[in-house]
């Protein structure tokens, strides 16, 4: 909606054209998907595309529709092959290979003051952490990262103690047993968002073990998102930082 009003003010749309676009609110029915074109107005950030289960053609059609109404499009869990397909139509789209995200951002977001600190227990947790990084940065948040600081070598965490104090909100990404979130929660007064990952041996049950550990944390101020949900953590951290 903001883009429609801006285009009208800049003379890119006539009054009738702007009204025609606004008719699509609060959603646009593509047949296979109902796009929530009203979401940015309600929540401050537009609808995001979750790519698994969608065909390339469906994702492109969603891109085509959203690009008419919003300046930022974020697609999560996207393979590189999908990006190559999207890029033929949207050459300005960017691919974040570690995070597996496609970003089309035509305007810079308003920058926020507080810093989001993102930690991982191990290197294998980085892809989920990077999903949180990209999400937070696209929303205009300064981000600081410290990776591979898990409990197997807890002294590594102490090197970023100053960042634990200075940050506005902390995201902790961990697989295996997921203990890092509780330790961080016990060291800082900042809100901690714990993200369990599906990284680990058989008894981690594809993220169930760290999920339960984080949910049972005795450290105050720790909240938990779903397994491998870096996007959800970055989004919620943005709400806190905002």
C-alpha atoms as a PDB file:
ATOM      1  CA  UNK A   1       0.000   0.000   0.000  1.00  0.00           C
ATOM      2  CA  UNK A   2       2.843   2.405   0.841  1.00  0.00           C
ATOM      3  CA  UNK A   3       4.321   1.915  -2.626  1.00  0.00           C
ATOM      4  CA  UNK A   4       0.958   2.546  -4.295  1.00  0.00           C
ATOM      5  CA  UNK A   5       0.481   5.809  -2.407  1.00  0.00           C
ATOM      6  CA  UNK A   6       4.060   6.857  -3.103  1.00  0.00           C
ATOM      7  CA  UNK A   7       3.717   6.136  -6.837  1.00  0.00           C
ATOM      8  CA  UNK A   8       0.493   8.172  -6.882  1.00  0.00           C
ATOM      9  CA  UNK A   9       2.183  11.117  -5.168  1.00  0.00           C
ATOM     10  CA  UNK A  10       5.102  10.927  -7.600  1.00  0.00           C
ATOM     11  CA  UNK A  11       2.779  10.941 -10.575  1.00  0.00           C
ATOM     12  CA  UNK A  12       3.579   7.384 -11.640  1.00  0.00           C
ATOM     13  CA  UNK A  13      -0.059   6.348 -11.162  1.00  0.00           C
ATOM     14  CA  UNK A  14      -3.267   8.150 -11.937  1.00  0.00           C
ATOM     15  CA  UNK A  15      -5.941   8.334  -9.273  1.00  0.00           C
ATOM     16  CA  UNK A  16      -7.921   5.614 -11.026  1.00  0.00           C
ATOM     17  CA  UNK A  17      -4.858   3.363 -11.323  1.00  0.00           C
ATOM     18  CA  UNK A  18      -4.092   3.828  -7.635  1.00  0.00           C
ATOM     19  CA  UNK A  19      -7.682   2.964  -6.738  1.00  0.00           C
ATOM     20  CA  UNK A  20      -7.506  -0.130  -8.947  1.00  0.00           C
ATOM     21  CA  UNK A  21      -4.391  -1.295  -7.073  1.00  0.00           C
ATOM     22  CA  UNK A  22      -6.001  -0.627  -3.713  1.00  0.00           C
ATOM     23  CA  UNK A  23      -8.881  -2.883  -4.701  1.00  0.00           C
ATOM     24  CA  UNK A  24      -6.487  -5.809  -4.203  1.00  0.00           C
ATOM     25  CA  UNK A  25      -6.430  -5.095  -0.479  1.00  0.00           C
ATOM     26  CA  UNK A  26      -6.472  -6.913   1.847  1.00  0.00           C
ATOM     27  CA  UNK A  27      -5.365  -9.849  -0.340  1.00  0.00           C
ATOM     28  CA  UNK A  28      -4.959 -10.866  -3.954  1.00  0.00           C
ATOM     29  CA  UNK A  29      -6.197 -14.284  -5.063  1.00  0.00           C
ATOM     30  CA  UNK A  30      -3.814 -15.988  -7.513  1.00  0.00           C
ATOM     31  CA  UNK A  31      -5.778 -19.218  -7.429  1.00  0.00           C
ATOM     32  CA  UNK A  32      -3.005 -21.249  -5.819  1.00  0.00           C
ATOM     33  CA  UNK A  33      -2.176 -18.537  -3.265  1.00  0.00           C
ATOM     34  CA  UNK A  34      -3.878 -15.612  -1.568  1.00  0.00           C
ATOM     35  CA  UNK A  35      -1.302 -12.853  -1.159  1.00  0.00           C
ATOM     36  CA  UNK A  36      -1.651 -10.735   1.961  1.00  0.00           C
ATOM     37  CA  UNK A  37      -0.994  -7.362   0.352  1.00  0.00           C
ATOM     38  CA  UNK A  38      -2.208  -5.593   3.495  1.00  0.00           C
ATOM     39  CA  UNK A  39       0.445  -7.087   5.791  1.00  0.00           C
ATOM     40  CA  UNK A  40       2.959  -4.241   5.650  1.00  0.00           C
ATOM     41  CA  UNK A  41       0.244  -1.811   6.681  1.00  0.00           C
ATOM     42  CA  UNK A  42      -0.759  -4.042   9.618  1.00  0.00           C
ATOM     43  CA  UNK A  43       2.600  -5.350  10.771  1.00  0.00           C
ATOM     44  CA  UNK A  44       5.287  -3.051   9.373  1.00  0.00           C
ATOM     45  CA  UNK A  45       6.829  -5.575   6.948  1.00  0.00           C
ATOM     46  CA  UNK A  46       5.304  -7.202   3.856  1.00  0.00           C
ATOM     47  CA  UNK A  47       4.510 -10.858   3.299  1.00  0.00           C
ATOM     48  CA  UNK A  48       7.485 -13.196   2.849  1.00  0.00           C
ATOM     49  CA  UNK A  49       7.621 -16.111   0.402  1.00  0.00           C
ATOM     50  CA  UNK A  50       8.283 -19.545   1.939  1.00  0.00           C
ATOM     51  CA  UNK A  51       9.655 -21.420  -1.069  1.00  0.00           C
ATOM     52  CA  UNK A  52       9.534 -25.162  -0.196  1.00  0.00           C
ATOM     53  CA  UNK A  53       6.560 -26.886  -1.809  1.00  0.00           C
ATOM     54  CA  UNK A  54       6.109 -24.190  -4.458  1.00  0.00           C
ATOM     55  CA  UNK A  55       7.045 -24.569  -8.116  1.00  0.00           C
ATOM     56  CA  UNK A  56       9.398 -22.116  -9.792  1.00  0.00           C
ATOM     57  CA  UNK A  57       6.509 -20.741 -11.822  1.00  0.00           C
ATOM     58  CA  UNK A  58       4.431 -20.192  -8.685  1.00  0.00           C
ATOM     59  CA  UNK A  59       7.240 -18.325  -6.924  1.00  0.00           C
ATOM     60  CA  UNK A  60       7.778 -16.149 -10.006  1.00  0.00           C
ATOM     61  CA  UNK A  61       4.076 -15.355 -10.197  1.00  0.00           C
ATOM     62  CA  UNK A  62       4.115 -14.342  -6.536  1.00  0.00           C
ATOM     63  CA  UNK A  63       7.176 -12.157  -7.212  1.00  0.00           C
ATOM     64  CA  UNK A  64       5.364 -10.527 -10.129  1.00  0.00           C
ATOM     65  CA  UNK A  65       2.363  -9.689  -7.996  1.00  0.00           C
ATOM     66  CA  UNK A  66       4.244  -8.505  -4.907  1.00  0.00           C
ATOM     67  CA  UNK A  67       6.645  -6.371  -6.931  1.00  0.00           C
ATOM     68  CA  UNK A  68       3.692  -4.247  -8.018  1.00  0.00           C
ATOM     69  CA  UNK A  69       2.803  -3.408  -4.430  1.00  0.00           C
ATOM     70  CA  UNK A  70       5.926  -3.437  -2.250  1.00  0.00           C
ATOM     71  CA  UNK A  71       9.572  -2.395  -2.445  1.00  0.00           C
ATOM     72  CA  UNK A  72      10.996  -5.406  -0.593  1.00  0.00           C
ATOM     73  CA  UNK A  73      10.488  -9.087  -1.350  1.00  0.00           C
ATOM     74  CA  UNK A  74      12.064 -11.758   0.834  1.00  0.00           C
ATOM     75  CA  UNK A  75      12.009 -15.435  -0.166  1.00  0.00           C
ATOM     76  CA  UNK A  76      13.191 -18.027   2.367  1.00  0.00           C
ATOM     77  CA  UNK A  77      14.538 -21.602   2.062  1.00  0.00           C
ATOM     78  CA  UNK A  78      15.233 -20.976  -1.620  1.00  0.00           C
ATOM     79  CA  UNK A  79      17.625 -23.209  -3.605  1.00  0.00           C
ATOM     80  CA  UNK A  80      20.089 -21.582  -5.996  1.00  0.00           C
ATOM     81  CA  UNK A  81      18.276 -23.049  -9.004  1.00  0.00           C
ATOM     82  CA  UNK A  82      15.177 -21.093  -8.027  1.00  0.00           C
ATOM     83  CA  UNK A  83      17.223 -17.908  -7.751  1.00  0.00           C
ATOM     84  CA  UNK A  84      18.619 -18.430 -11.259  1.00  0.00           C
ATOM     85  CA  UNK A  85      15.054 -18.757 -12.535  1.00  0.00           C
ATOM     86  CA  UNK A  86      13.877 -15.615 -10.700  1.00  0.00           C
ATOM     87  CA  UNK A  87      16.915 -13.589 -11.762  1.00  0.00           C
ATOM     88  CA  UNK A  88      16.019 -13.853 -15.450  1.00  0.00           C
ATOM     89  CA  UNK A  89      13.009 -11.647 -14.693  1.00  0.00           C
ATOM     90  CA  UNK A  90      14.444  -9.726 -11.713  1.00  0.00           C
ATOM     91  CA  UNK A  91      18.164  -9.156 -12.383  1.00  0.00           C
ATOM     92  CA  UNK A  92      18.415  -6.876  -9.339  1.00  0.00           C
ATOM     93  CA  UNK A  93      17.437  -9.722  -6.990  1.00  0.00           C
ATOM     94  CA  UNK A  94      20.234 -10.892  -4.674  1.00  0.00           C
ATOM     95  CA  UNK A  95      20.950 -14.423  -3.476  1.00  0.00           C
ATOM     96  CA  UNK A  96      22.378 -15.150  -0.039  1.00  0.00           C
ATOM     97  CA  UNK A  97      23.854 -18.595  -0.581  1.00  0.00           C
ATOM     98  CA  UNK A  98      24.510 -19.552   3.043  1.00  0.00           C
ATOM     99  CA  UNK A  99      21.090 -18.373   4.221  1.00  0.00           C
ATOM    100  CA  UNK A 100      19.331 -19.764   1.105  1.00  0.00           C
ATOM    101  CA  UNK A 101      17.369 -16.538   0.688  1.00  0.00           C
ATOM    102  CA  UNK A 102      16.408 -14.362  -2.267  1.00  0.00           C
ATOM    103  CA  UNK A 103      16.120 -10.639  -1.556  1.00  0.00           C
ATOM    104  CA  UNK A 104      14.690  -7.983  -3.836  1.00  0.00           C
ATOM    105  CA  UNK A 105      15.065  -4.628  -2.094  1.00  0.00           C
ATOM    106  CA  UNK A 106      14.483  -1.471  -4.096  1.00  0.00           C
ATOM    107  CA  UNK A 107      14.590   0.974  -1.207  1.00  0.00           C
ATOM    108  CA  UNK A 108      16.870   1.066   1.822  1.00  0.00           C
ATOM    109  CA  UNK A 109      14.999   0.479   5.092  1.00  0.00           C
ATOM    110  CA  UNK A 110      14.955   3.008   7.888  1.00  0.00           C
ATOM    111  CA  UNK A 111      17.944   2.178  10.070  1.00  0.00           C
ATOM    112  CA  UNK A 112      17.383   1.277  13.706  1.00  0.00           C
ATOM    113  CA  UNK A 113      19.771   2.187  16.512  1.00  0.00           C
ATOM    114  CA  UNK A 114      20.060  -0.977  18.583  1.00  0.00           C
ATOM    115  CA  UNK A 115      22.305  -3.879  17.550  1.00  0.00           C
ATOM    116  CA  UNK A 116      21.144  -7.475  17.206  1.00  0.00           C
ATOM    117  CA  UNK A 117      23.824  -9.953  18.266  1.00  0.00           C
ATOM    118  CA  UNK A 118      23.627 -13.385  16.636  1.00  0.00           C
ATOM    119  CA  UNK A 119      25.536 -16.317  18.111  1.00  0.00           C
ATOM    120  CA  UNK A 120      25.915 -19.912  17.001  1.00  0.00           C
ATOM    121  CA  UNK A 121      27.017 -22.880  19.045  1.00  0.00           C
ATOM    122  CA  UNK A 122      28.797 -24.455  16.068  1.00  0.00           C
ATOM    123  CA  UNK A 123      29.762 -23.858  12.469  1.00  0.00           C
ATOM    124  CA  UNK A 124      27.018 -26.221  11.285  1.00  0.00           C
ATOM    125  CA  UNK A 125      24.431 -23.833  12.750  1.00  0.00           C
ATOM    126  CA  UNK A 126      25.560 -20.930  10.563  1.00  0.00           C
ATOM    127  CA  UNK A 127      23.010 -21.385   7.709  1.00  0.00           C
ATOM    128  CA  UNK A 128      20.102 -20.912  10.132  1.00  0.00           C
ATOM    129  CA  UNK A 129      21.918 -18.002  11.794  1.00  0.00           C
ATOM    130  CA  UNK A 130      22.495 -16.343   8.423  1.00  0.00           C
ATOM    131  CA  UNK A 131      18.774 -16.552   7.718  1.00  0.00           C
ATOM    132  CA  UNK A 132      18.271 -14.484  10.862  1.00  0.00           C
ATOM    133  CA  UNK A 133      21.071 -12.117   9.825  1.00  0.00           C
ATOM    134  CA  UNK A 134      19.621 -11.413   6.383  1.00  0.00           C
ATOM    135  CA  UNK A 135      16.119 -10.971   7.795  1.00  0.00           C
ATOM    136  CA  UNK A 136      17.265  -8.521  10.459  1.00  0.00           C
ATOM    137  CA  UNK A 137      19.436  -6.531   8.055  1.00  0.00           C
ATOM    138  CA  UNK A 138      16.715  -6.286   5.406  1.00  0.00           C
ATOM    139  CA  UNK A 139      14.509  -4.781   8.123  1.00  0.00           C
ATOM    140  CA  UNK A 140      17.127  -2.132   8.891  1.00  0.00           C
ATOM    141  CA  UNK A 141      18.863  -3.540  11.963  1.00  0.00           C
ATOM    142  CA  UNK A 142      22.606  -3.357  12.642  1.00  0.00           C
ATOM    143  CA  UNK A 143      23.816  -6.930  13.181  1.00  0.00           C
ATOM    144  CA  UNK A 144      26.887  -8.314  14.935  1.00  0.00           C
ATOM    145  CA  UNK A 145      27.864 -11.978  14.642  1.00  0.00           C
ATOM    146  CA  UNK A 146      29.911 -14.398  16.733  1.00  0.00           C
ATOM    147  CA  UNK A 147      29.937 -17.952  15.421  1.00  0.00           C
ATOM    148  CA  UNK A 148      31.173 -21.243  16.883  1.00  0.00           C
ATOM    149  CA  UNK A 149      31.090 -20.201  20.554  1.00  0.00           C
ATOM    150  CA  UNK A 150      29.272 -23.255  21.933  1.00  0.00           C
ATOM    151  CA  UNK A 151      29.550 -25.047  25.255  1.00  0.00           C
ATOM    152  CA  UNK A 152      32.209 -27.511  24.086  1.00  0.00           C
ATOM    153  CA  UNK A 153      34.633 -24.586  24.387  1.00  0.00           C
ATOM    154  CA  UNK A 154      32.716 -22.115  26.501  1.00  0.00           C
ATOM    155  CA  UNK A 155      35.777 -19.855  26.940  1.00  0.00           C
ATOM    156  CA  UNK A 156      35.190 -18.734  23.351  1.00  0.00           C
ATOM    157  CA  UNK A 157      31.945 -17.082  24.440  1.00  0.00           C
ATOM    158  CA  UNK A 158      33.722 -14.929  26.999  1.00  0.00           C
ATOM    159  CA  UNK A 159      35.576 -13.085  24.241  1.00  0.00           C
ATOM    160  CA  UNK A 160      32.254 -11.479  23.217  1.00  0.00           C
ATOM    161  CA  UNK A 161      31.080 -10.543  26.722  1.00  0.00           C
ATOM    162  CA  UNK A 162      31.163  -6.856  25.824  1.00  0.00           C
ATOM    163  CA  UNK A 163      28.810  -7.494  22.895  1.00  0.00           C
ATOM    164  CA  UNK A 164      26.430  -9.388  25.201  1.00  0.00           C
ATOM    165  CA  UNK A 165      26.099  -6.207  27.262  1.00  0.00           C
ATOM    166  CA  UNK A 166      25.917  -3.674  24.436  1.00  0.00           C
ATOM    167  CA  UNK A 167      23.434  -5.430  22.152  1.00  0.00           C
ATOM    168  CA  UNK A 168      19.705  -4.728  22.273  1.00  0.00           C
ATOM    169  CA  UNK A 169      18.639  -8.320  21.671  1.00  0.00           C
ATOM    170  CA  UNK A 170      20.512 -11.605  21.237  1.00  0.00           C
ATOM    171  CA  UNK A 171      19.716 -14.538  18.959  1.00  0.00           C
ATOM    172  CA  UNK A 172      21.294 -17.866  19.946  1.00  0.00           C
ATOM    173  CA  UNK A 173      21.321 -20.600  17.301  1.00  0.00           C
ATOM    174  CA  UNK A 174      22.242 -24.087  18.488  1.00  0.00           C
ATOM    175  CA  UNK A 175      21.745 -27.739  17.632  1.00  0.00           C
ATOM    176  CA  UNK A 176      22.954 -30.821  19.504  1.00  0.00           C
ATOM    177  CA  UNK A 177      21.663 -30.327  23.073  1.00  0.00           C
ATOM    178  CA  UNK A 178      21.043 -26.576  22.686  1.00  0.00           C
ATOM    179  CA  UNK A 179      22.569 -25.534  26.007  1.00  0.00           C
ATOM    180  CA  UNK A 180      24.127 -22.300  24.749  1.00  0.00           C
ATOM    181  CA  UNK A 181      20.880 -20.343  24.987  1.00  0.00           C
ATOM    182  CA  UNK A 182      20.570 -20.984  28.720  1.00  0.00           C
ATOM    183  CA  UNK A 183      24.166 -19.959  29.351  1.00  0.00           C
ATOM    184  CA  UNK A 184      23.757 -16.722  27.401  1.00  0.00           C
ATOM    185  CA  UNK A 185      20.463 -16.066  29.158  1.00  0.00           C
ATOM    186  CA  UNK A 186      22.232 -16.347  32.482  1.00  0.00           C
ATOM    187  CA  UNK A 187      24.961 -13.885  31.496  1.00  0.00           C
ATOM    188  CA  UNK A 188      22.942 -10.965  30.133  1.00  0.00           C
ATOM    189  CA  UNK A 189      19.963  -8.774  30.901  1.00  0.00           C
ATOM    190  CA  UNK A 190      19.110  -8.577  27.196  1.00  0.00           C
ATOM    191  CA  UNK A 191      16.221 -10.563  25.723  1.00  0.00           C
ATOM    192  CA  UNK A 192      17.427 -13.842  24.199  1.00  0.00           C
ATOM    193  CA  UNK A 193      15.744 -15.551  21.252  1.00  0.00           C
ATOM    194  CA  UNK A 194      16.752 -19.207  21.067  1.00  0.00           C
ATOM    195  CA  UNK A 195      16.706 -21.039  17.732  1.00  0.00           C
ATOM    196  CA  UNK A 196      17.064 -24.842  17.839  1.00  0.00           C
ATOM    197  CA  UNK A 197      18.559 -26.375  14.720  1.00  0.00           C
ATOM    198  CA  UNK A 198      18.251 -29.844  13.240  1.00  0.00           C
ATOM    199  CA  UNK A 199      22.023 -30.270  13.534  1.00  0.00           C
ATOM    200  CA  UNK A 200      23.169 -33.209  15.666  1.00  0.00           C
ATOM    201  CA  UNK A 201      23.491 -36.954  16.047  1.00  0.00           C
ATOM    202  CA  UNK A 202      20.549 -39.363  16.202  1.00  0.00           C
ATOM    203  CA  UNK A 203      19.439 -38.594  19.743  1.00  0.00           C
ATOM    204  CA  UNK A 204      19.018 -34.920  18.908  1.00  0.00           C
ATOM    205  CA  UNK A 205      15.953 -36.073  16.913  1.00  0.00           C
ATOM    206  CA  UNK A 206      16.406 -33.478  14.137  1.00  0.00           C
ATOM    207  CA  UNK A 207      16.178 -30.562  16.552  1.00  0.00           C
ATOM    208  CA  UNK A 208      13.680 -31.886  19.091  1.00  0.00           C
ATOM    209  CA  UNK A 209      16.365 -32.242  21.784  1.00  0.00           C
ATOM    210  CA  UNK A 210      17.626 -28.631  21.590  1.00  0.00           C
ATOM    211  CA  UNK A 211      14.046 -27.394  21.251  1.00  0.00           C
ATOM    212  CA  UNK A 212      13.085 -29.049  24.552  1.00  0.00           C
ATOM    213  CA  UNK A 213      16.283 -27.881  26.248  1.00  0.00           C
ATOM    214  CA  UNK A 214      15.626 -24.289  25.229  1.00  0.00           C
ATOM    215  CA  UNK A 215      11.973 -24.437  26.233  1.00  0.00           C
ATOM    216  CA  UNK A 216      13.006 -25.766  29.643  1.00  0.00           C
ATOM    217  CA  UNK A 217      15.675 -23.127  30.195  1.00  0.00           C
ATOM    218  CA  UNK A 218      15.926 -21.965  33.793  1.00  0.00           C
ATOM    219  CA  UNK A 219      17.460 -18.656  32.653  1.00  0.00           C
ATOM    220  CA  UNK A 220      14.934 -15.830  32.630  1.00  0.00           C
ATOM    221  CA  UNK A 221      14.401 -13.854  29.463  1.00  0.00           C
ATOM    222  CA  UNK A 222      14.802 -16.694  26.966  1.00  0.00           C
ATOM    223  CA  UNK A 223      12.108 -17.288  24.341  1.00  0.00           C
ATOM    224  CA  UNK A 224      12.165 -19.993  21.668  1.00  0.00           C
ATOM    225  CA  UNK A 225      11.169 -20.173  18.001  1.00  0.00           C
ATOM    226  CA  UNK A 226      10.677 -23.314  15.944  1.00  0.00           C
ATOM    227  CA  UNK A 227      13.419 -25.618  14.667  1.00  0.00           C
ATOM    228  CA  UNK A 228      15.605 -24.013  11.949  1.00  0.00           C
ATOM    229  CA  UNK A 229      13.423 -20.885  11.991  1.00  0.00           C
ATOM    230  CA  UNK A 230      16.109 -18.233  11.546  1.00  0.00           C
ATOM    231  CA  UNK A 231      13.626 -16.005   9.746  1.00  0.00           C
ATOM    232  CA  UNK A 232      11.235 -16.041  12.692  1.00  0.00           C
ATOM    233  CA  UNK A 233      14.050 -15.173  15.089  1.00  0.00           C
ATOM    234  CA  UNK A 234      15.266 -12.286  12.937  1.00  0.00           C
ATOM    235  CA  UNK A 235      11.722 -10.982  12.546  1.00  0.00           C
ATOM    236  CA  UNK A 236      11.004 -11.104  16.282  1.00  0.00           C
ATOM    237  CA  UNK A 237      14.357  -9.511  17.109  1.00  0.00           C
ATOM    238  CA  UNK A 238      13.414  -6.668  14.771  1.00  0.00           C
ATOM    239  CA  UNK A 239      10.146  -6.164  16.660  1.00  0.00           C
ATOM    240  CA  UNK A 240      12.043  -5.942  19.949  1.00  0.00           C
ATOM    241  CA  UNK A 241      14.656  -3.604  18.491  1.00  0.00           C
ATOM    242  CA  UNK A 242      11.980  -1.418  16.921  1.00  0.00           C
END
